[in-house]
Amino acid sequence: MSRIYVGLALMEFGDAEACREVTNGLPQYVVQQLSPTAIVVDHEQLEALLSRLRRQGITPKVTDS
């Protein structure tokens, strides 16, 4: 079965440990883990997630494309 998901954001990490920290520490934002270094998050929760990450000293680059 093929599916198209609308309204999601992709987060890619430089390493699997950083991805694991977000996936385990902030699971309410994670829709699906795609690989050891990539997760899908609900785009409506993206600003809240980015705010939480920034408070933890994590400043991801945001690309709108």
C-alpha atoms as a PDB file:
ATOM      1  CA  MET A   1       0.000   0.000   0.000  1.00  0.00           C
ATOM      2  CA  SER A   2       1.270   3.473  -0.888  1.00  0.00           C
ATOM      3  CA  ARG A   3       0.545   6.478   1.306  1.00  0.00           C
ATOM      4  CA  ILE A   4       1.046  10.200   1.045  1.00  0.00           C
ATOM      5  CA  TYR A   5       1.322  12.127   4.293  1.00  0.00           C
ATOM      6  CA  VAL A   6       0.577  15.844   4.214  1.00  0.00           C
ATOM      7  CA  GLY A   7       1.522  18.345   6.908  1.00  0.00           C
ATOM      8  CA  LEU A   8       4.686  16.704   8.190  1.00  0.00           C
ATOM      9  CA  ALA A   9       8.243  17.911   8.705  1.00  0.00           C
ATOM     10  CA  LEU A  10      11.415  15.873   8.294  1.00  0.00           C
ATOM     11  CA  MET A  11      14.231  16.202  10.838  1.00  0.00           C
ATOM     12  CA  GLU A  12      17.639  14.848   9.905  1.00  0.00           C
ATOM     13  CA  PHE A  13      20.449  14.481  12.428  1.00  0.00           C
ATOM     14  CA  GLY A  14      24.202  14.289  12.028  1.00  0.00           C
ATOM     15  CA  ASP A  15      24.356  11.125  14.098  1.00  0.00           C
ATOM     16  CA  ALA A  16      22.106   8.415  15.457  1.00  0.00           C
ATOM     17  CA  GLU A  17      22.689   9.362  19.107  1.00  0.00           C
ATOM     18  CA  ALA A  18      21.284  12.874  18.636  1.00  0.00           C
ATOM     19  CA  CYS A  19      18.246  11.432  16.872  1.00  0.00           C
ATOM     20  CA  ARG A  20      17.750   8.911  19.684  1.00  0.00           C
ATOM     21  CA  GLU A  21      17.897  11.686  22.296  1.00  0.00           C
ATOM     22  CA  VAL A  22      15.074  13.600  20.611  1.00  0.00           C
ATOM     23  CA  THR A  23      13.038  10.477  19.852  1.00  0.00           C
ATOM     24  CA  ASN A  24      13.309   9.216  23.431  1.00  0.00           C
ATOM     25  CA  GLY A  25      13.252  12.598  25.186  1.00  0.00           C
ATOM     26  CA  LEU A  26      10.448  14.275  23.228  1.00  0.00           C
ATOM     27  CA  PRO A  27       8.339  11.412  21.840  1.00  0.00           C
ATOM     28  CA  GLN A  28       5.144  13.499  21.726  1.00  0.00           C
ATOM     29  CA  TYR A  29       6.528  15.325  18.667  1.00  0.00           C
ATOM     30  CA  VAL A  30       7.672  12.255  16.721  1.00  0.00           C
ATOM     31  CA  VAL A  31       5.267  10.791  14.152  1.00  0.00           C
ATOM     32  CA  GLN A  32       7.630   8.173  12.710  1.00  0.00           C
ATOM     33  CA  GLN A  33      11.301   7.275  12.768  1.00  0.00           C
ATOM     34  CA  LEU A  34      12.494   6.741   9.193  1.00  0.00           C
ATOM     35  CA  SER A  35      16.090   5.780   9.851  1.00  0.00           C
ATOM     36  CA  PRO A  36      18.639   5.962  12.672  1.00  0.00           C
ATOM     37  CA  THR A  37      19.195   9.641  11.763  1.00  0.00           C
ATOM     38  CA  ALA A  38      15.798  10.830  10.473  1.00  0.00           C
ATOM     39  CA  ILE A  39      12.376  11.366  12.030  1.00  0.00           C
ATOM     40  CA  VAL A  40       9.076  12.798  10.868  1.00  0.00           C
ATOM     41  CA  VAL A  41       7.376  15.349  13.120  1.00  0.00           C
ATOM     42  CA  ASP A  42       3.933  16.949  12.899  1.00  0.00           C
ATOM     43  CA  HIS A  43       4.453  20.353  11.258  1.00  0.00           C
ATOM     44  CA  GLU A  44       1.854  21.870  13.597  1.00  0.00           C
ATOM     45  CA  GLN A  45       4.109  20.925  16.517  1.00  0.00           C
ATOM     46  CA  LEU A  46       7.314  22.090  14.843  1.00  0.00           C
ATOM     47  CA  GLU A  47       7.580  25.493  16.561  1.00  0.00           C
ATOM     48  CA  ALA A  48       6.964  23.932  19.977  1.00  0.00           C
ATOM     49  CA  LEU A  49       9.609  21.292  19.268  1.00  0.00           C
ATOM     50  CA  LEU A  50      12.120  23.874  18.063  1.00  0.00           C
ATOM     51  CA  SER A  51      11.494  25.952  21.185  1.00  0.00           C
ATOM     52  CA  ARG A  52      12.122  22.943  23.432  1.00  0.00           C
ATOM     53  CA  LEU A  53      15.279  22.032  21.516  1.00  0.00           C
ATOM     54  CA  ARG A  54      16.628  25.597  21.709  1.00  0.00           C
ATOM     55  CA  ARG A  55      16.067  25.675  25.481  1.00  0.00           C
ATOM     56  CA  GLN A  56      18.241  22.548  25.610  1.00  0.00           C
ATOM     57  CA  GLY A  57      20.968  24.283  23.589  1.00  0.00           C
ATOM     58  CA  ILE A  58      20.170  22.465  20.345  1.00  0.00           C
ATOM     59  CA  THR A  59      19.783  24.824  17.388  1.00  0.00           C
ATOM     60  CA  PRO A  60      18.831  22.933  14.236  1.00  0.00           C
ATOM     61  CA  LYS A  61      19.043  24.592  10.852  1.00  0.00           C
ATOM     62  CA  VAL A  62      15.521  25.070   9.449  1.00  0.00           C
ATOM     63  CA  THR A  63      15.158  24.717   5.684  1.00  0.00           C
ATOM     64  CA  ASP A  64      11.922  25.647   3.958  1.00  0.00           C
ATOM     65  CA  SER A  65      12.006  23.573   0.802  1.00  0.00           C
END
